[in-house]
């Protein structure tokens, strides 16, 4: 995260934006921020608005992403693309389900005659 690279914390960003630390925490969790505050945050972090919202990846980052995707199979790449399209809540639900999957089957097939 950019704050770590700058050796700054959420309290520093809250002070710069004129909001509470809780507000900054909510921004980082939900990804929702007003345009007015986004401009202030981008300026404080030395980013463009596109960079702040991840819409303007630098060529090196794009190349690294392409290289990483080459190492995953087709299903993994599709899953990653679908995951990125989900809301934060949707992503959290998927992660919770995936964490349960190794311990138990996500879907238990029904057999004819089962009394379920």
PDB file of N, CA and C in Angstrom:
ATOM      1  N   UNK A   1       0.845  -1.185   0.000  1.00  0.00           N
ATOM      2  CA  UNK A   1       0.000   0.000   0.000  1.00  0.00           C
ATOM      3  C   UNK A   1       0.886   1.243   0.000  1.00  0.00           C
ATOM      4  N   UNK A   2       0.392   2.280  -0.616  1.00  0.00           N
ATOM      5  CA  UNK A   2       1.141   3.516  -0.757  1.00  0.00           C
ATOM      6  C   UNK A   2       1.485   4.139   0.604  1.00  0.00           C
ATOM      7  N   UNK A   3       0.599   4.030   1.583  1.00  0.00           N
ATOM      8  CA  UNK A   3       0.875   4.589   2.909  1.00  0.00           C
ATOM      9  C   UNK A   3       2.116   3.945   3.521  1.00  0.00           C
ATOM     10  N   UNK A   4       2.251   2.641   3.375  1.00  0.00           N
ATOM     11  CA  UNK A   4       3.426   1.954   3.923  1.00  0.00           C
ATOM     12  C   UNK A   4       4.692   2.411   3.217  1.00  0.00           C
ATOM     13  N   UNK A   5       4.599   2.568   1.897  1.00  0.00           N
ATOM     14  CA  UNK A   5       5.768   3.016   1.128  1.00  0.00           C
ATOM     15  C   UNK A   5       6.215   4.399   1.589  1.00  0.00           C
ATOM     16  N   UNK A   6       5.269   5.238   1.965  1.00  0.00           N
ATOM     17  CA  UNK A   6       5.581   6.583   2.449  1.00  0.00           C
ATOM     18  C   UNK A   6       5.896   6.595   3.944  1.00  0.00           C
ATOM     19  N   UNK A   7       5.820   5.428   4.569  1.00  0.00           N
ATOM     20  CA  UNK A   7       5.993   5.291   6.012  1.00  0.00           C
ATOM     21  C   UNK A   7       5.028   6.198   6.770  1.00  0.00           C
ATOM     22  N   UNK A   8       3.786   6.176   6.289  1.00  0.00           N
ATOM     23  CA  UNK A   8       2.718   6.959   6.919  1.00  0.00           C
ATOM     24  C   UNK A   8       1.590   6.006   7.285  1.00  0.00           C
ATOM     25  N   UNK A   9       0.736   6.445   8.185  1.00  0.00           N
ATOM     26  CA  UNK A   9      -0.385   5.615   8.613  1.00  0.00           C
ATOM     27  C   UNK A   9      -1.719   6.264   8.293  1.00  0.00           C
ATOM     28  N   UNK A  10      -2.775   5.570   8.675  1.00  0.00           N
ATOM     29  CA  UNK A  10      -4.122   6.082   8.434  1.00  0.00           C
ATOM     30  C   UNK A  10      -4.378   7.377   9.191  1.00  0.00           C
ATOM     31  N   UNK A  11      -3.754   7.536  10.350  1.00  0.00           N
ATOM     32  CA  UNK A  11      -3.964   8.776  11.109  1.00  0.00           C
ATOM     33  C   UNK A  11      -3.367   9.970  10.352  1.00  0.00           C
ATOM     34  N   UNK A  12      -2.221   9.765   9.703  1.00  0.00           N
ATOM     35  CA  UNK A  12      -1.614  10.822   8.891  1.00  0.00           C
ATOM     36  C   UNK A  12      -2.542  11.204   7.746  1.00  0.00           C
ATOM     37  N   UNK A  13      -3.075  10.197   7.059  1.00  0.00           N
ATOM     38  CA  UNK A  13      -3.976  10.460   5.937  1.00  0.00           C
ATOM     39  C   UNK A  13      -5.266  11.117   6.415  1.00  0.00           C
ATOM     40  N   UNK A  14      -5.772  10.690   7.562  1.00  0.00           N
ATOM     41  CA  UNK A  14      -6.983  11.294   8.126  1.00  0.00           C
ATOM     42  C   UNK A  14      -6.767  12.779   8.389  1.00  0.00           C
ATOM     43  N   UNK A  15      -5.598  13.105   8.947  1.00  0.00           N
ATOM     44  CA  UNK A  15      -5.276  14.510   9.214  1.00  0.00           C
ATOM     45  C   UNK A  15      -5.215  15.312   7.914  1.00  0.00           C
ATOM     46  N   UNK A  16      -4.542  14.745   6.890  1.00  0.00           N
ATOM     47  CA  UNK A  16      -4.436  15.431   5.594  1.00  0.00           C
ATOM     48  C   UNK A  16      -5.805  15.671   4.967  1.00  0.00           C
ATOM     49  N   UNK A  17      -6.709  14.684   5.108  1.00  0.00           N
ATOM     50  CA  UNK A  17      -8.031  14.771   4.477  1.00  0.00           C
ATOM     51  C   UNK A  17      -9.052  15.482   5.355  1.00  0.00           C
ATOM     52  N   UNK A  18      -8.703  15.752   6.609  1.00  0.00           N
ATOM     53  CA  UNK A  18      -9.628  16.429   7.509  1.00  0.00           C
ATOM     54  C   UNK A  18     -10.789  15.546   7.929  1.00  0.00           C
ATOM     55  N   UNK A  19     -10.497  14.247   8.128  1.00  0.00           N
ATOM     56  CA  UNK A  19     -11.530  13.297   8.542  1.00  0.00           C
ATOM     57  C   UNK A  19     -10.996  12.461   9.698  1.00  0.00           C
ATOM     58  N   UNK A  20     -11.847  11.598  10.228  1.00  0.00           N
ATOM     59  CA  UNK A  20     -11.427  10.715  11.312  1.00  0.00           C
ATOM     60  C   UNK A  20     -10.672   9.505  10.751  1.00  0.00           C
ATOM     61  N   UNK A  21      -9.946   8.844  11.633  1.00  0.00           N
ATOM     62  CA  UNK A  21      -9.247   7.623  11.247  1.00  0.00           C
ATOM     63  C   UNK A  21     -10.276   6.560  10.832  1.00  0.00           C
ATOM     64  N   UNK A  22     -11.437   6.554  11.489  1.00  0.00           N
ATOM     65  CA  UNK A  22     -12.497   5.614  11.117  1.00  0.00           C
ATOM     66  C   UNK A  22     -12.946   5.823   9.680  1.00  0.00           C
ATOM     67  N   UNK A  23     -13.012   7.073   9.237  1.00  0.00           N
ATOM     68  CA  UNK A  23     -13.415   7.363   7.857  1.00  0.00           C
ATOM     69  C   UNK A  23     -12.393   6.788   6.885  1.00  0.00           C
ATOM     70  N   UNK A  24     -11.111   6.953   7.178  1.00  0.00           N
ATOM     71  CA  UNK A  24     -10.057   6.411   6.315  1.00  0.00           C
ATOM     72  C   UNK A  24     -10.149   4.888   6.285  1.00  0.00           C
ATOM     73  N   UNK A  25     -10.395   4.289   7.438  1.00  0.00           N
ATOM     74  CA  UNK A  25     -10.539   2.842   7.513  1.00  0.00           C
ATOM     75  C   UNK A  25     -11.701   2.368   6.640  1.00  0.00           C
ATOM     76  N   UNK A  26     -12.812   3.084   6.701  1.00  0.00           N
ATOM     77  CA  UNK A  26     -13.975   2.734   5.873  1.00  0.00           C
ATOM     78  C   UNK A  26     -13.638   2.842   4.384  1.00  0.00           C
ATOM     79  N   UNK A  27     -12.882   3.865   4.000  1.00  0.00           N
ATOM     80  CA  UNK A  27     -12.498   4.023   2.588  1.00  0.00           C
ATOM     81  C   UNK A  27     -11.708   2.816   2.132  1.00  0.00           C
ATOM     82  N   UNK A  28     -10.745   2.399   2.963  1.00  0.00           N
ATOM     83  CA  UNK A  28      -9.876   1.295   2.546  1.00  0.00           C
ATOM     84  C   UNK A  28     -10.626  -0.032   2.493  1.00  0.00           C
ATOM     85  N   UNK A  29     -11.627  -0.183   3.343  1.00  0.00           N
ATOM     86  CA  UNK A  29     -12.397  -1.428   3.357  1.00  0.00           C
ATOM     87  C   UNK A  29     -13.440  -1.448   2.241  1.00  0.00           C
ATOM     88  N   UNK A  30     -14.187  -0.363   2.112  1.00  0.00           N
ATOM     89  CA  UNK A  30     -15.291  -0.343   1.147  1.00  0.00           C
ATOM     90  C   UNK A  30     -14.874   0.095  -0.251  1.00  0.00           C
ATOM     91  N   UNK A  31     -13.791   0.862  -0.336  1.00  0.00           N
ATOM     92  CA  UNK A  31     -13.381   1.401  -1.628  1.00  0.00           C
ATOM     93  C   UNK A  31     -14.226   2.592  -2.056  1.00  0.00           C
ATOM     94  N   UNK A  32     -15.084   3.063  -1.160  1.00  0.00           N
ATOM     95  CA  UNK A  32     -15.956   4.196  -1.470  1.00  0.00           C
ATOM     96  C   UNK A  32     -15.431   5.451  -0.790  1.00  0.00           C
ATOM     97  N   UNK A  33     -15.327   6.536  -1.597  1.00  0.00           N
ATOM     98  CA  UNK A  33     -14.827   7.809  -1.097  1.00  0.00           C
ATOM     99  C   UNK A  33     -15.434   8.906  -1.964  1.00  0.00           C
ATOM    100  N   UNK A  34     -15.714  10.048  -1.349  1.00  0.00           N
ATOM    101  CA  UNK A  34     -16.270  11.158  -2.130  1.00  0.00           C
ATOM    102  C   UNK A  34     -15.201  11.697  -3.080  1.00  0.00           C
ATOM    103  N   UNK A  35     -15.648  12.291  -4.156  1.00  0.00           N
ATOM    104  CA  UNK A  35     -14.699  12.835  -5.131  1.00  0.00           C
ATOM    105  C   UNK A  35     -13.819  13.902  -4.474  1.00  0.00           C
ATOM    106  N   UNK A  36     -14.430  14.748  -3.658  1.00  0.00           N
ATOM    107  CA  UNK A  36     -13.689  15.816  -2.976  1.00  0.00           C
ATOM    108  C   UNK A  36     -12.549  15.254  -2.134  1.00  0.00           C
ATOM    109  N   UNK A  37     -12.851  14.219  -1.346  1.00  0.00           N
ATOM    110  CA  UNK A  37     -11.829  13.621  -0.488  1.00  0.00           C
ATOM    111  C   UNK A  37     -10.822  12.822  -1.318  1.00  0.00           C
ATOM    112  N   UNK A  38     -11.280  12.208  -2.402  1.00  0.00           N
ATOM    113  CA  UNK A  38     -10.372  11.440  -3.269  1.00  0.00           C
ATOM    114  C   UNK A  38      -9.297  12.345  -3.860  1.00  0.00           C
ATOM    115  N   UNK A  39      -9.677  13.563  -4.240  1.00  0.00           N
ATOM    116  CA  UNK A  39      -8.711  14.512  -4.786  1.00  0.00           C
ATOM    117  C   UNK A  39      -7.650  14.837  -3.736  1.00  0.00           C
ATOM    118  N   UNK A  40      -8.091  15.064  -2.505  1.00  0.00           N
ATOM    119  CA  UNK A  40      -7.169  15.382  -1.409  1.00  0.00           C
ATOM    120  C   UNK A  40      -6.247  14.198  -1.120  1.00  0.00           C
ATOM    121  N   UNK A  41      -6.818  13.003  -1.075  1.00  0.00           N
ATOM    122  CA  UNK A  41      -6.035  11.797  -0.796  1.00  0.00           C
ATOM    123  C   UNK A  41      -5.012  11.553  -1.898  1.00  0.00           C
ATOM    124  N   UNK A  42      -5.442  11.659  -3.149  1.00  0.00           N
ATOM    125  CA  UNK A  42      -4.519  11.451  -4.274  1.00  0.00           C
ATOM    126  C   UNK A  42      -3.349  12.426  -4.201  1.00  0.00           C
ATOM    127  N   UNK A  43      -3.664  13.686  -3.908  1.00  0.00           N
ATOM    128  CA  UNK A  43      -2.608  14.697  -3.803  1.00  0.00           C
ATOM    129  C   UNK A  43      -1.650  14.378  -2.653  1.00  0.00           C
ATOM    130  N   UNK A  44      -2.194  13.982  -1.508  1.00  0.00           N
ATOM    131  CA  UNK A  44      -1.365  13.660  -0.342  1.00  0.00           C
ATOM    132  C   UNK A  44      -0.450  12.464  -0.621  1.00  0.00           C
ATOM    133  N   UNK A  45      -0.944  11.515  -1.410  1.00  0.00           N
ATOM    134  CA  UNK A  45      -0.171  10.311  -1.712  1.00  0.00           C
ATOM    135  C   UNK A  45       0.698  10.455  -2.958  1.00  0.00           C
ATOM    136  N   UNK A  46       0.567  11.593  -3.636  1.00  0.00           N
ATOM    137  CA  UNK A  46       1.348  11.805  -4.848  1.00  0.00           C
ATOM    138  C   UNK A  46       0.884  10.951  -6.011  1.00  0.00           C
ATOM    139  N   UNK A  47      -0.433  10.753  -6.102  1.00  0.00           N
ATOM    140  CA  UNK A  47      -1.012   9.919  -7.150  1.00  0.00           C
ATOM    141  C   UNK A  47      -1.985  10.714  -8.008  1.00  0.00           C
ATOM    142  N   UNK A  48      -2.223  10.228  -9.219  1.00  0.00           N
ATOM    143  CA  UNK A  48      -3.321  10.774 -10.019  1.00  0.00           C
ATOM    144  C   UNK A  48      -4.593  10.090  -9.537  1.00  0.00           C
ATOM    145  N   UNK A  49      -5.733  10.610  -9.937  1.00  0.00           N
ATOM    146  CA  UNK A  49      -7.004   9.978  -9.574  1.00  0.00           C
ATOM    147  C   UNK A  49      -7.074   8.570 -10.169  1.00  0.00           C
ATOM    148  N   UNK A  50      -6.616   8.412 -11.403  1.00  0.00           N
ATOM    149  CA  UNK A  50      -6.623   7.088 -12.029  1.00  0.00           C
ATOM    150  C   UNK A  50      -5.756   6.106 -11.253  1.00  0.00           C
ATOM    151  N   UNK A  51      -4.611   6.554 -10.804  1.00  0.00           N
ATOM    152  CA  UNK A  51      -3.736   5.683 -10.015  1.00  0.00           C
ATOM    153  C   UNK A  51      -4.378   5.337  -8.679  1.00  0.00           C
ATOM    154  N   UNK A  52      -5.026   6.309  -8.057  1.00  0.00           N
ATOM    155  CA  UNK A  52      -5.681   6.072  -6.775  1.00  0.00           C
ATOM    156  C   UNK A  52      -6.720   4.967  -6.889  1.00  0.00           C
ATOM    157  N   UNK A  53      -7.453   4.956  -7.995  1.00  0.00           N
ATOM    158  CA  UNK A  53      -8.511   3.970  -8.185  1.00  0.00           C
ATOM    159  C   UNK A  53      -8.053   2.769  -9.010  1.00  0.00           C
ATOM    160  N   UNK A  54      -6.733   2.668  -9.260  1.00  0.00           N
ATOM    161  CA  UNK A  54      -6.193   1.507  -9.944  1.00  0.00           C
ATOM    162  C   UNK A  54      -6.526   1.412 -11.416  1.00  0.00           C
ATOM    163  N   UNK A  55      -6.872   2.537 -12.032  1.00  0.00           N
ATOM    164  CA  UNK A  55      -7.244   2.511 -13.448  1.00  0.00           C
ATOM    165  C   UNK A  55      -6.075   2.839 -14.357  1.00  0.00           C
ATOM    166  N   UNK A  56      -4.954   3.195 -13.784  1.00  0.00           N
ATOM    167  CA  UNK A  56      -3.809   3.617 -14.585  1.00  0.00           C
ATOM    168  C   UNK A  56      -2.568   2.880 -14.103  1.00  0.00           C
ATOM    169  N   UNK A  57      -2.461   1.620 -14.496  1.00  0.00           N
ATOM    170  CA  UNK A  57      -1.304   0.840 -14.079  1.00  0.00           C
ATOM    171  C   UNK A  57      -0.088   1.257 -14.887  1.00  0.00           C
ATOM    172  N   UNK A  58       1.021   1.360 -14.237  1.00  0.00           N
ATOM    173  CA  UNK A  58       2.255   1.682 -14.946  1.00  0.00           C
ATOM    174  C   UNK A  58       2.670   0.456 -15.759  1.00  0.00           C
ATOM    175  N   UNK A  59       3.398   0.668 -16.882  1.00  0.00           N
ATOM    176  CA  UNK A  59       3.768  -0.466 -17.743  1.00  0.00           C
ATOM    177  C   UNK A  59       4.447  -1.611 -17.003  1.00  0.00           C
ATOM    178  N   UNK A  60       5.329  -1.323 -16.060  1.00  0.00           N
ATOM    179  CA  UNK A  60       6.017  -2.386 -15.319  1.00  0.00           C
ATOM    180  C   UNK A  60       5.017  -3.231 -14.529  1.00  0.00           C
ATOM    181  N   UNK A  61       4.023  -2.577 -13.938  1.00  0.00           N
ATOM    182  CA  UNK A  61       3.010  -3.310 -13.180  1.00  0.00           C
ATOM    183  C   UNK A  61       2.160  -4.161 -14.115  1.00  0.00           C
ATOM    184  N   UNK A  62       1.821  -3.627 -15.289  1.00  0.00           N
ATOM    185  CA  UNK A  62       1.053  -4.405 -16.263  1.00  0.00           C
ATOM    186  C   UNK A  62       1.839  -5.622 -16.713  1.00  0.00           C
ATOM    187  N   UNK A  63       3.139  -5.440 -16.950  1.00  0.00           N
ATOM    188  CA  UNK A  63       3.988  -6.548 -17.378  1.00  0.00           C
ATOM    189  C   UNK A  63       4.089  -7.599 -16.275  1.00  0.00           C
ATOM    190  N   UNK A  64       4.229  -7.162 -15.037  1.00  0.00           N
ATOM    191  CA  UNK A  64       4.297  -8.098 -13.916  1.00  0.00           C
ATOM    192  C   UNK A  64       3.001  -8.882 -13.794  1.00  0.00           C
ATOM    193  N   UNK A  65       1.861  -8.196 -14.004  1.00  0.00           N
ATOM    194  CA  UNK A  65       0.563  -8.864 -13.940  1.00  0.00           C
ATOM    195  C   UNK A  65       0.448  -9.900 -15.050  1.00  0.00           C
ATOM    196  N   UNK A  66       0.871  -9.543 -16.266  1.00  0.00           N
ATOM    197  CA  UNK A  66       0.836 -10.485 -17.387  1.00  0.00           C
ATOM    198  C   UNK A  66       1.692 -11.708 -17.091  1.00  0.00           C
ATOM    199  N   UNK A  67       2.878 -11.490 -16.530  1.00  0.00           N
ATOM    200  CA  UNK A  67       3.779 -12.594 -16.199  1.00  0.00           C
ATOM    201  C   UNK A  67       3.151 -13.505 -15.148  1.00  0.00           C
ATOM    202  N   UNK A  68       2.534 -12.901 -14.144  1.00  0.00           N
ATOM    203  CA  UNK A  68       1.888 -13.688 -13.091  1.00  0.00           C
ATOM    204  C   UNK A  68       0.742 -14.510 -13.667  1.00  0.00           C
ATOM    205  N   UNK A  69      -0.044 -13.909 -14.568  1.00  0.00           N
ATOM    206  CA  UNK A  69      -1.172 -14.625 -15.153  1.00  0.00           C
ATOM    207  C   UNK A  69      -0.722 -15.768 -16.059  1.00  0.00           C
ATOM    208  N   UNK A  70       0.473 -15.661 -16.618  1.00  0.00           N
ATOM    209  CA  UNK A  70       0.986 -16.749 -17.448  1.00  0.00           C
ATOM    210  C   UNK A  70       1.251 -17.997 -16.615  1.00  0.00           C
ATOM    211  N   UNK A  71       1.452 -17.828 -15.313  1.00  0.00           N
ATOM    212  CA  UNK A  71       1.772 -18.954 -14.438  1.00  0.00           C
ATOM    213  C   UNK A  71       0.524 -19.627 -13.856  1.00  0.00           C
ATOM    214  N   UNK A  72      -0.656 -19.114 -14.158  1.00  0.00           N
ATOM    215  CA  UNK A  72      -1.884 -19.732 -13.659  1.00  0.00           C
ATOM    216  C   UNK A  72      -2.598 -20.415 -14.811  1.00  0.00           C
ATOM    217  N   UNK A  73      -3.395 -21.405 -14.485  1.00  0.00           N
ATOM    218  CA  UNK A  73      -4.116 -22.076 -15.553  1.00  0.00           C
ATOM    219  C   UNK A  73      -5.359 -21.264 -15.946  1.00  0.00           C
ATOM    220  N   UNK A  74      -6.031 -21.723 -16.957  1.00  0.00           N
ATOM    221  CA  UNK A  74      -7.164 -20.979 -17.518  1.00  0.00           C
ATOM    222  C   UNK A  74      -8.274 -20.748 -16.494  1.00  0.00           C
ATOM    223  N   UNK A  75      -8.588 -21.765 -15.697  1.00  0.00           N
ATOM    224  CA  UNK A  75      -9.647 -21.636 -14.694  1.00  0.00           C
ATOM    225  C   UNK A  75      -9.259 -20.627 -13.613  1.00  0.00           C
ATOM    226  N   UNK A  76      -7.984 -20.655 -13.187  1.00  0.00           N
ATOM    227  CA  UNK A  76      -7.525 -19.710 -12.174  1.00  0.00           C
ATOM    228  C   UNK A  76      -7.590 -18.277 -12.691  1.00  0.00           C
ATOM    229  N   UNK A  77      -7.204 -18.066 -13.936  1.00  0.00           N
ATOM    230  CA  UNK A  77      -7.249 -16.727 -14.523  1.00  0.00           C
ATOM    231  C   UNK A  77      -8.686 -16.236 -14.616  1.00  0.00           C
ATOM    232  N   UNK A  78      -9.599 -17.118 -15.024  1.00  0.00           N
ATOM    233  CA  UNK A  78     -11.011 -16.734 -15.108  1.00  0.00           C
ATOM    234  C   UNK A  78     -11.564 -16.396 -13.729  1.00  0.00           C
ATOM    235  N   UNK A  79     -11.213 -17.205 -12.741  1.00  0.00           N
ATOM    236  CA  UNK A  79     -11.669 -16.960 -11.378  1.00  0.00           C
ATOM    237  C   UNK A  79     -11.164 -15.614 -10.864  1.00  0.00           C
ATOM    238  N   UNK A  80      -9.905 -15.312 -11.136  1.00  0.00           N
ATOM    239  CA  UNK A  80      -9.335 -14.032 -10.716  1.00  0.00           C
ATOM    240  C   UNK A  80     -10.060 -12.859 -11.373  1.00  0.00           C
ATOM    241  N   UNK A  81     -10.335 -12.969 -12.661  1.00  0.00           N
ATOM    242  CA  UNK A  81     -11.042 -11.896 -13.370  1.00  0.00           C
ATOM    243  C   UNK A  81     -12.442 -11.703 -12.801  1.00  0.00           C
ATOM    244  N   UNK A  82     -13.144 -12.790 -12.528  1.00  0.00           N
ATOM    245  CA  UNK A  82     -14.493 -12.692 -11.954  1.00  0.00           C
ATOM    246  C   UNK A  82     -14.446 -12.119 -10.547  1.00  0.00           C
ATOM    247  N   UNK A  83     -13.463 -12.543  -9.762  1.00  0.00           N
ATOM    248  CA  UNK A  83     -13.304 -12.060  -8.395  1.00  0.00           C
ATOM    249  C   UNK A  83     -13.111 -10.548  -8.376  1.00  0.00           C
ATOM    250  N   UNK A  84     -12.289 -10.044  -9.295  1.00  0.00           N
ATOM    251  CA  UNK A  84     -12.009  -8.605  -9.342  1.00  0.00           C
ATOM    252  C   UNK A  84     -13.230  -7.784  -9.721  1.00  0.00           C
ATOM    253  N   UNK A  85     -14.183  -8.384 -10.385  1.00  0.00           N
ATOM    254  CA  UNK A  85     -15.403  -7.664 -10.769  1.00  0.00           C
ATOM    255  C   UNK A  85     -16.408  -7.577  -9.628  1.00  0.00           C
ATOM    256  N   UNK A  86     -16.201  -8.368  -8.578  1.00  0.00           N
ATOM    257  CA  UNK A  86     -17.131  -8.402  -7.449  1.00  0.00           C
ATOM    258  C   UNK A  86     -16.962  -7.183  -6.549  1.00  0.00           C
ATOM    259  N   UNK A  87     -18.018  -6.872  -5.840  1.00  0.00           N
ATOM    260  CA  UNK A  87     -17.934  -5.837  -4.812  1.00  0.00           C
ATOM    261  C   UNK A  87     -17.052  -6.357  -3.685  1.00  0.00           C
ATOM    262  N   UNK A  88     -16.671  -5.481  -2.782  1.00  0.00           N
ATOM    263  CA  UNK A  88     -15.862  -5.892  -1.633  1.00  0.00           C
ATOM    264  C   UNK A  88     -16.610  -6.941  -0.817  1.00  0.00           C
ATOM    265  N   UNK A  89     -17.928  -6.737  -0.631  1.00  0.00           N
ATOM    266  CA  UNK A  89     -18.719  -7.722   0.113  1.00  0.00           C
ATOM    267  C   UNK A  89     -18.733  -9.065  -0.606  1.00  0.00           C
ATOM    268  N   UNK A  90     -18.879  -9.036  -1.914  1.00  0.00           N
ATOM    269  CA  UNK A  90     -18.864 -10.266  -2.699  1.00  0.00           C
ATOM    270  C   UNK A  90     -17.532 -10.980  -2.595  1.00  0.00           C
ATOM    271  N   UNK A  91     -16.435 -10.219  -2.654  1.00  0.00           N
ATOM    272  CA  UNK A  91     -15.107 -10.808  -2.520  1.00  0.00           C
ATOM    273  C   UNK A  91     -14.941 -11.454  -1.146  1.00  0.00           C
ATOM    274  N   UNK A  92     -15.436 -10.775  -0.106  1.00  0.00           N
ATOM    275  CA  UNK A  92     -15.332 -11.326   1.243  1.00  0.00           C
ATOM    276  C   UNK A  92     -16.125 -12.619   1.378  1.00  0.00           C
ATOM    277  N   UNK A  93     -17.302 -12.683   0.739  1.00  0.00           N
ATOM    278  CA  UNK A  93     -18.111 -13.906   0.775  1.00  0.00           C
ATOM    279  C   UNK A  93     -17.380 -15.047   0.071  1.00  0.00           C
ATOM    280  N   UNK A  94     -16.773 -14.755  -1.072  1.00  0.00           N
ATOM    281  CA  UNK A  94     -16.037 -15.774  -1.816  1.00  0.00           C
ATOM    282  C   UNK A  94     -14.856 -16.285  -0.991  1.00  0.00           C
ATOM    283  N   UNK A  95     -14.124 -15.365  -0.366  1.00  0.00           N
ATOM    284  CA  UNK A  95     -12.980 -15.766   0.459  1.00  0.00           C
ATOM    285  C   UNK A  95     -13.419 -16.635   1.634  1.00  0.00           C
ATOM    286  N   UNK A  96     -14.527 -16.260   2.268  1.00  0.00           N
ATOM    287  CA  UNK A  96     -15.025 -17.051   3.397  1.00  0.00           C
ATOM    288  C   UNK A  96     -15.396 -18.459   2.939  1.00  0.00           C
ATOM    289  N   UNK A  97     -16.055 -18.566   1.800  1.00  0.00           N
ATOM    290  CA  UNK A  97     -16.432 -19.884   1.274  1.00  0.00           C
ATOM    291  C   UNK A  97     -15.192 -20.697   0.907  1.00  0.00           C
ATOM    292  N   UNK A  98     -14.203 -20.046   0.325  1.00  0.00           N
ATOM    293  CA  UNK A  98     -12.979 -20.752  -0.079  1.00  0.00           C
ATOM    294  C   UNK A  98     -12.200 -21.252   1.130  1.00  0.00           C
ATOM    295  N   UNK A  99     -12.258 -20.514   2.213  1.00  0.00           N
ATOM    296  CA  UNK A  99     -11.549 -20.942   3.423  1.00  0.00           C
ATOM    297  C   UNK A  99     -12.205 -22.169   4.051  1.00  0.00           C
ATOM    298  N   UNK A 100     -13.507 -22.320   3.856  1.00  0.00           N
ATOM    299  CA  UNK A 100     -14.242 -23.463   4.382  1.00  0.00           C
ATOM    300  C   UNK A 100     -14.040 -24.684   3.492  1.00  0.00           C
ATOM    301  N   UNK A 101     -13.856 -24.463   2.194  1.00  0.00           N
ATOM    302  CA  UNK A 101     -13.789 -25.546   1.205  1.00  0.00           C
ATOM    303  C   UNK A 101     -12.792 -26.652   1.550  1.00  0.00           C
ATOM    304  N   UNK A 102     -11.580 -26.346   2.006  1.00  0.00           N
ATOM    305  CA  UNK A 102     -10.653 -27.446   2.308  1.00  0.00           C
ATOM    306  C   UNK A 102     -11.141 -28.357   3.433  1.00  0.00           C
ATOM    307  N   UNK A 103     -11.978 -27.834   4.324  1.00  0.00           N
ATOM    308  CA  UNK A 103     -12.456 -28.624   5.462  1.00  0.00           C
ATOM    309  C   UNK A 103     -13.708 -29.418   5.128  1.00  0.00           C
ATOM    310  N   UNK A 104     -14.505 -28.901   4.213  1.00  0.00           N
ATOM    311  CA  UNK A 104     -15.746 -29.590   3.857  1.00  0.00           C
ATOM    312  C   UNK A 104     -16.119 -29.225   2.433  1.00  0.00           C
ATOM    313  N   UNK A 105     -16.883 -30.073   1.813  1.00  0.00           N
ATOM    314  CA  UNK A 105     -17.309 -29.803   0.444  1.00  0.00           C
ATOM    315  C   UNK A 105     -18.250 -28.608   0.438  1.00  0.00           C
ATOM    316  N   UNK A 106     -18.077 -27.722  -0.555  1.00  0.00           N
ATOM    317  CA  UNK A 106     -18.982 -26.581  -0.671  1.00  0.00           C
ATOM    318  C   UNK A 106     -20.377 -27.038  -1.055  1.00  0.00           C
ATOM    319  N   UNK A 107     -20.432 -28.035  -1.907  1.00  0.00           N
ATOM    320  CA  UNK A 107     -21.710 -28.552  -2.370  1.00  0.00           C
ATOM    321  C   UNK A 107     -21.714 -30.058  -2.167  1.00  0.00           C
ATOM    322  N   UNK A 108     -22.681 -30.538  -1.441  1.00  0.00           N
ATOM    323  CA  UNK A 108     -22.801 -31.964  -1.224  1.00  0.00           C
ATOM    324  C   UNK A 108     -23.841 -32.491  -2.196  1.00  0.00           C
ATOM    325  N   UNK A 109     -23.440 -33.393  -3.095  1.00  0.00           N
ATOM    326  CA  UNK A 109     -24.412 -33.903  -4.055  1.00  0.00           C
ATOM    327  C   UNK A 109     -25.502 -34.700  -3.352  1.00  0.00           C
ATOM    328  N   UNK A 110     -26.728 -34.501  -3.769  1.00  0.00           N
ATOM    329  CA  UNK A 110     -27.853 -35.266  -3.217  1.00  0.00           C
ATOM    330  C   UNK A 110     -27.954 -36.584  -3.955  1.00  0.00           C
ATOM    331  N   UNK A 111     -28.242 -37.619  -3.198  1.00  0.00           N
ATOM    332  CA  UNK A 111     -28.434 -38.929  -3.803  1.00  0.00           C
ATOM    333  C   UNK A 111     -29.894 -39.301  -3.673  1.00  0.00           C
ATOM    334  N   UNK A 112     -30.392 -39.949  -4.676  1.00  0.00           N
ATOM    335  CA  UNK A 112     -31.801 -40.388  -4.619  1.00  0.00           C
ATOM    336  C   UNK A 112     -31.945 -41.337  -3.434  1.00  0.00           C
ATOM    337  N   UNK A 113     -32.944 -41.083  -2.629  1.00  0.00           N
ATOM    338  CA  UNK A 113     -33.179 -41.909  -1.457  1.00  0.00           C
ATOM    339  C   UNK A 113     -32.664 -41.275  -0.185  1.00  0.00           C
ATOM    340  N   UNK A 114     -31.822 -40.234  -0.297  1.00  0.00           N
ATOM    341  CA  UNK A 114     -31.354 -39.518   0.894  1.00  0.00           C
ATOM    342  C   UNK A 114     -32.533 -38.836   1.550  1.00  0.00           C
ATOM    343  N   UNK A 115     -32.537 -38.788   2.861  1.00  0.00           N
ATOM    344  CA  UNK A 115     -33.612 -38.121   3.587  1.00  0.00           C
ATOM    345  C   UNK A 115     -33.151 -36.754   4.056  1.00  0.00           C
ATOM    346  N   UNK A 116     -32.638 -35.933   3.103  1.00  0.00           N
ATOM    347  CA  UNK A 116     -32.152 -34.608   3.436  1.00  0.00           C
ATOM    348  C   UNK A 116     -33.160 -33.570   3.086  1.00  0.00           C
TER     349      UNK A 116
END
